[in-house]
Amino acid sequence: MREINKDALYEGRKIRIIYQPEADAHHLIIGENLIVLERGILDELSRTSPEGLEMKLDAVNPSSDYILKSEGLTYEAVGWAIAQARLVELEDELNYAYSNLNQRLYKSNF
């Protein structure tokens, strides 16, 4: 399993998303700006349309609209990055579950 606190779940030119296990939160880094997404928020945002993302990101950080505009980003681009990060996270969770299942099945056969 990835060392998720060191590897980005998503990394683009202007957007980076990482998980910080010690804070149990995701960090959405846009340019030089940090937006902290508390537990469960990444999942919620990954299911949100670009139209609804503006309102939800504004609730998380009232400066988010300014941050996106100053970096020349759209809510659609940020939404896509968030969805990609969530997919990576789900793949990691699935791989971890399968590896544990395989270990248990192997042990039960012997």
Protein backbone atom coordinates (compact mmCIF):
# COMPACT_ATOMS: atom_id res chain seq x y z
CA MET A 1 0.00 0.00 0.00
CA ARG A 2 1.23 3.47 -0.85
CA GLU A 3 2.71 5.67 1.81
CA ILE A 4 -0.29 7.89 1.41
CA ASN A 5 0.99 10.71 3.59
CA LYS A 6 4.00 11.14 1.29
CA ASP A 7 2.48 10.47 -2.13
CA ALA A 8 -0.02 12.74 -3.73
CA LEU A 9 -3.40 11.25 -4.51
CA TYR A 10 -3.51 13.73 -7.39
CA GLU A 11 -0.80 15.97 -8.73
CA GLY A 12 -1.25 18.36 -11.61
CA ARG A 13 0.40 21.55 -12.69
CA LYS A 14 -1.53 23.76 -10.26
CA ILE A 15 -3.42 21.26 -8.09
CA ARG A 16 -2.11 18.74 -5.60
CA ILE A 17 -4.19 16.59 -3.25
CA ILE A 18 -2.64 14.62 -0.41
CA TYR A 19 -3.92 12.76 2.63
CA GLN A 20 -2.53 13.69 6.03
CA PRO A 21 -3.23 10.74 8.36
CA GLU A 22 -2.07 12.55 11.48
CA ALA A 23 -4.76 15.17 10.87
CA ASP A 24 -7.21 12.67 9.31
CA ALA A 25 -7.77 15.23 6.58
CA HIS A 26 -6.96 15.84 2.94
CA HIS A 27 -4.98 18.83 1.78
CA LEU A 28 -6.10 20.43 -1.44
CA ILE A 29 -3.18 22.55 -2.54
CA ILE A 30 -3.91 25.05 -5.30
CA GLY A 31 -0.81 26.94 -6.32
CA GLU A 32 0.61 28.09 -2.99
CA ASN A 33 -2.76 27.93 -1.20
CA LEU A 34 -3.88 25.20 1.17
CA ILE A 35 -7.50 24.18 1.64
CA VAL A 36 -7.97 21.59 4.39
CA LEU A 37 -10.72 19.07 3.71
CA GLU A 38 -11.83 17.44 6.95
CA ARG A 39 -12.75 13.75 7.14
CA GLY A 40 -15.34 12.74 4.52
CA ILE A 41 -15.24 16.00 2.58
CA LEU A 42 -13.13 14.66 -0.32
CA ASP A 43 -15.65 11.88 -0.85
CA GLU A 44 -18.54 14.35 -0.74
CA LEU A 45 -16.86 16.75 -3.16
CA SER A 46 -15.95 13.92 -5.55
CA ARG A 47 -19.68 13.25 -5.99
CA THR A 48 -20.58 16.89 -6.57
CA SER A 49 -21.22 18.52 -9.94
CA PRO A 50 -19.05 21.49 -10.94
CA GLU A 51 -22.10 23.71 -10.38
CA GLY A 52 -22.51 22.52 -6.77
CA LEU A 53 -18.78 22.48 -6.08
CA GLU A 54 -18.57 26.26 -5.83
CA MET A 55 -21.03 26.38 -2.93
CA LYS A 56 -19.48 23.41 -1.12
CA LEU A 57 -15.88 24.62 -1.48
CA ASP A 58 -16.97 28.07 -0.32
CA ALA A 59 -18.42 26.45 2.82
CA VAL A 60 -15.05 24.75 3.45
CA ASN A 61 -12.99 27.85 2.69
CA PRO A 62 -14.62 31.20 1.86
CA SER A 63 -11.51 32.18 -0.15
CA SER A 64 -11.76 29.21 -2.51
CA ASP A 65 -13.36 31.20 -5.35
CA TYR A 66 -10.59 33.81 -5.16
CA ILE A 67 -7.93 31.07 -5.02
CA LEU A 68 -9.30 29.31 -8.11
CA LYS A 69 -9.63 32.53 -10.08
CA SER A 70 -6.15 33.73 -9.11
CA GLU A 71 -4.72 30.42 -10.41
CA GLY A 72 -6.85 30.49 -13.57
CA LEU A 73 -8.71 27.31 -12.61
CA THR A 74 -12.34 26.34 -13.09
CA TYR A 75 -14.52 24.41 -10.68
CA GLU A 76 -14.74 21.72 -13.34
CA ALA A 77 -10.94 21.30 -13.30
CA VAL A 78 -10.83 21.16 -9.51
CA GLY A 79 -13.77 18.76 -9.44
CA TRP A 80 -11.99 16.48 -11.91
CA ALA A 81 -8.84 16.52 -9.77
CA ILE A 82 -10.86 15.73 -6.63
CA ALA A 83 -12.62 12.85 -8.39
CA GLN A 84 -9.28 11.46 -9.58
CA ALA A 85 -7.85 11.69 -6.05
CA ARG A 86 -10.85 9.86 -4.64
CA LEU A 87 -10.49 7.12 -7.28
CA VAL A 88 -6.85 6.59 -6.27
CA GLU A 89 -7.90 6.43 -2.64
CA LEU A 90 -10.62 3.87 -3.42
CA GLU A 91 -8.16 1.77 -5.44
CA ASP A 92 -5.76 1.80 -2.48
CA GLU A 93 -8.55 0.72 -0.13
CA LEU A 94 -9.60 -2.07 -2.48
CA ASN A 95 -6.03 -3.31 -2.94
CA TYR A 96 -5.54 -3.33 0.82
CA ALA A 97 -8.78 -5.28 1.35
CA TYR A 98 -7.85 -7.83 -1.31
CA SER A 99 -4.37 -8.32 0.09
CA ASN A 100 -5.82 -8.97 3.55
CA LEU A 101 -8.39 -11.35 2.10
CA ASN A 102 -5.72 -13.26 0.19
CA GLN A 103 -3.60 -13.57 3.34
CA ARG A 104 -6.56 -14.91 5.34
CA LEU A 105 -7.51 -17.37 2.60
CA TYR A 106 -3.93 -18.57 2.32
CA LYS A 107 -3.67 -19.09 6.09
CA SER A 108 -7.00 -20.94 6.25
CA ASN A 109 -5.82 -23.41 3.61
CA PHE A 110 -2.87 -24.49 5.75
